[in-house]
Amino acid sequence: MVRIILGAIAVAVLTIIATVAFSPAMATSTDMESYLWSPAGVGRDEIVCKRIVIHPEGRPLPQSSQQQPVQIHSAIVSESYCAGMPKPAY
């Protein structure tokens, strides 16, 4: 009986140690995300809500450059994301 109790305590202690040791770090993202009204595409008149994500790249640039390289991704999302902004009339 004592073996079972000691075994259960050992398993509980190991579980707690593993949970604390292997929990994910409080990581932060350098990506900038925003929502805006924009034309659905080049040459289109339809206005849609788009999610824009700007991700900095680690690619080297010439020393004289004052800019940082980025990747820009956009996707059409539900209009509820842009509900707080007035929809432009194009």
C-alpha atoms as a PDB file:
ATOM      1  CA  MET A   1       0.000   0.000   0.000  1.00  0.00           C
ATOM      2  CA  VAL A   2       2.843   2.348   0.905  1.00  0.00           C
ATOM      3  CA  ARG A   3       4.516   1.577  -2.440  1.00  0.00           C
ATOM      4  CA  ILE A   4       1.388   2.637  -4.333  1.00  0.00           C
ATOM      5  CA  ILE A   5       1.139   5.912  -2.401  1.00  0.00           C
ATOM      6  CA  LEU A   6       4.843   6.674  -2.879  1.00  0.00           C
ATOM      7  CA  GLY A   7       4.550   5.814  -6.566  1.00  0.00           C
ATOM      8  CA  ALA A   8       1.566   8.150  -6.978  1.00  0.00           C
ATOM      9  CA  ILE A   9       3.438  10.966  -5.205  1.00  0.00           C
ATOM     10  CA  ALA A  10       6.496  10.400  -7.408  1.00  0.00           C
ATOM     11  CA  VAL A  11       4.369  10.517 -10.563  1.00  0.00           C
ATOM     12  CA  ALA A  12       2.667  13.720  -9.365  1.00  0.00           C
ATOM     13  CA  VAL A  13       6.029  15.377  -8.605  1.00  0.00           C
ATOM     14  CA  LEU A  14       7.452  14.355 -11.985  1.00  0.00           C
ATOM     15  CA  THR A  15       4.339  15.670 -13.739  1.00  0.00           C
ATOM     16  CA  ILE A  16       4.633  19.039 -12.000  1.00  0.00           C
ATOM     17  CA  ILE A  17       8.355  19.298 -12.806  1.00  0.00           C
ATOM     18  CA  ALA A  18       7.751  18.398 -16.463  1.00  0.00           C
ATOM     19  CA  THR A  19       4.911  20.917 -16.739  1.00  0.00           C
ATOM     20  CA  VAL A  20       7.039  23.743 -15.347  1.00  0.00           C
ATOM     21  CA  ALA A  21      10.203  22.789 -17.264  1.00  0.00           C
ATOM     22  CA  PHE A  22       8.587  22.268 -20.658  1.00  0.00           C
ATOM     23  CA  SER A  23       5.907  24.960 -20.666  1.00  0.00           C
ATOM     24  CA  PRO A  24       6.096  27.297 -23.675  1.00  0.00           C
ATOM     25  CA  ALA A  25       7.914  30.590 -23.199  1.00  0.00           C
ATOM     26  CA  MET A  26       6.023  33.869 -23.188  1.00  0.00           C
ATOM     27  CA  ALA A  27       7.079  34.572 -26.751  1.00  0.00           C
ATOM     28  CA  THR A  28       6.298  37.817 -28.477  1.00  0.00           C
ATOM     29  CA  SER A  29       5.787  38.381 -32.164  1.00  0.00           C
ATOM     30  CA  THR A  30       7.311  41.211 -34.154  1.00  0.00           C
ATOM     31  CA  ASP A  31       4.616  40.835 -36.815  1.00  0.00           C
ATOM     32  CA  MET A  32       2.292  43.783 -37.258  1.00  0.00           C
ATOM     33  CA  GLU A  33      -1.317  42.876 -38.014  1.00  0.00           C
ATOM     34  CA  SER A  34      -4.071  45.265 -39.045  1.00  0.00           C
ATOM     35  CA  TYR A  35      -7.458  45.240 -40.721  1.00  0.00           C
ATOM     36  CA  LEU A  36      -8.572  47.742 -43.343  1.00  0.00           C
ATOM     37  CA  TRP A  37     -11.059  48.362 -46.114  1.00  0.00           C
ATOM     38  CA  SER A  38      -9.436  47.909 -49.490  1.00  0.00           C
ATOM     39  CA  PRO A  39     -10.346  47.097 -53.097  1.00  0.00           C
ATOM     40  CA  ALA A  40     -10.731  43.350 -53.652  1.00  0.00           C
ATOM     41  CA  GLY A  41      -8.002  43.422 -56.261  1.00  0.00           C
ATOM     42  CA  VAL A  42      -6.229  45.506 -58.862  1.00  0.00           C
ATOM     43  CA  GLY A  43      -8.767  47.162 -61.129  1.00  0.00           C
ATOM     44  CA  ARG A  44     -11.769  45.981 -59.078  1.00  0.00           C
ATOM     45  CA  ASP A  45     -14.388  48.315 -57.620  1.00  0.00           C
ATOM     46  CA  GLU A  46     -15.603  46.002 -54.851  1.00  0.00           C
ATOM     47  CA  ILE A  47     -14.465  47.111 -51.346  1.00  0.00           C
ATOM     48  CA  VAL A  48     -13.679  44.286 -48.889  1.00  0.00           C
ATOM     49  CA  CYS A  49     -12.176  43.949 -45.422  1.00  0.00           C
ATOM     50  CA  LYS A  50      -8.575  42.724 -45.557  1.00  0.00           C
ATOM     51  CA  ARG A  51      -6.203  41.421 -42.908  1.00  0.00           C
ATOM     52  CA  ILE A  52      -2.688  42.757 -43.530  1.00  0.00           C
ATOM     53  CA  VAL A  53       0.297  41.096 -41.806  1.00  0.00           C
ATOM     54  CA  ILE A  54       3.745  42.675 -42.042  1.00  0.00           C
ATOM     55  CA  HIS A  55       6.607  40.357 -41.037  1.00  0.00           C
ATOM     56  CA  PRO A  56      10.188  41.681 -40.717  1.00  0.00           C
ATOM     57  CA  GLU A  57      12.836  39.603 -42.495  1.00  0.00           C
ATOM     58  CA  GLY A  58      16.375  38.943 -41.327  1.00  0.00           C
ATOM     59  CA  ARG A  59      17.844  39.370 -44.784  1.00  0.00           C
ATOM     60  CA  PRO A  60      20.914  41.660 -44.957  1.00  0.00           C
ATOM     61  CA  LEU A  61      20.745  44.976 -46.811  1.00  0.00           C
ATOM     62  CA  PRO A  62      23.514  47.343 -47.883  1.00  0.00           C
ATOM     63  CA  GLN A  63      24.956  49.471 -45.055  1.00  0.00           C
ATOM     64  CA  SER A  64      23.661  52.628 -46.742  1.00  0.00           C
ATOM     65  CA  SER A  65      20.043  51.444 -46.585  1.00  0.00           C
ATOM     66  CA  GLN A  66      17.833  52.943 -43.871  1.00  0.00           C
ATOM     67  CA  GLN A  67      15.012  50.471 -44.523  1.00  0.00           C
ATOM     68  CA  GLN A  68      14.177  47.059 -43.111  1.00  0.00           C
ATOM     69  CA  PRO A  69      13.084  44.242 -45.438  1.00  0.00           C
ATOM     70  CA  VAL A  70       9.570  42.918 -44.760  1.00  0.00           C
ATOM     71  CA  GLN A  71       7.098  40.419 -46.163  1.00  0.00           C
ATOM     72  CA  ILE A  72       3.513  41.599 -46.553  1.00  0.00           C
ATOM     73  CA  HIS A  73       0.624  39.143 -46.632  1.00  0.00           C
ATOM     74  CA  SER A  74      -3.015  40.089 -47.140  1.00  0.00           C
ATOM     75  CA  ALA A  75      -6.224  38.107 -47.125  1.00  0.00           C
ATOM     76  CA  ILE A  76      -9.906  38.955 -47.421  1.00  0.00           C
ATOM     77  CA  VAL A  77     -11.695  38.381 -44.095  1.00  0.00           C
ATOM     78  CA  SER A  78     -15.177  38.855 -42.663  1.00  0.00           C
ATOM     79  CA  GLU A  79     -16.491  42.432 -42.621  1.00  0.00           C
ATOM     80  CA  SER A  80     -16.939  42.127 -38.842  1.00  0.00           C
ATOM     81  CA  TYR A  81     -13.181  42.720 -38.417  1.00  0.00           C
ATOM     82  CA  CYS A  82     -13.500  46.179 -40.037  1.00  0.00           C
ATOM     83  CA  ALA A  83     -16.804  47.048 -38.373  1.00  0.00           C
ATOM     84  CA  GLY A  84     -15.261  49.842 -36.285  1.00  0.00           C
ATOM     85  CA  MET A  85     -13.994  51.724 -39.340  1.00  0.00           C
ATOM     86  CA  PRO A  86     -16.058  53.643 -41.858  1.00  0.00           C
ATOM     87  CA  LYS A  87     -16.252  51.902 -45.218  1.00  0.00           C
ATOM     88  CA  PRO A  88     -14.828  54.178 -47.931  1.00  0.00           C
ATOM     89  CA  ALA A  89     -16.851  54.958 -51.031  1.00  0.00           C
ATOM     90  CA  TYR A  90     -14.719  54.441 -54.123  1.00  0.00           C
END
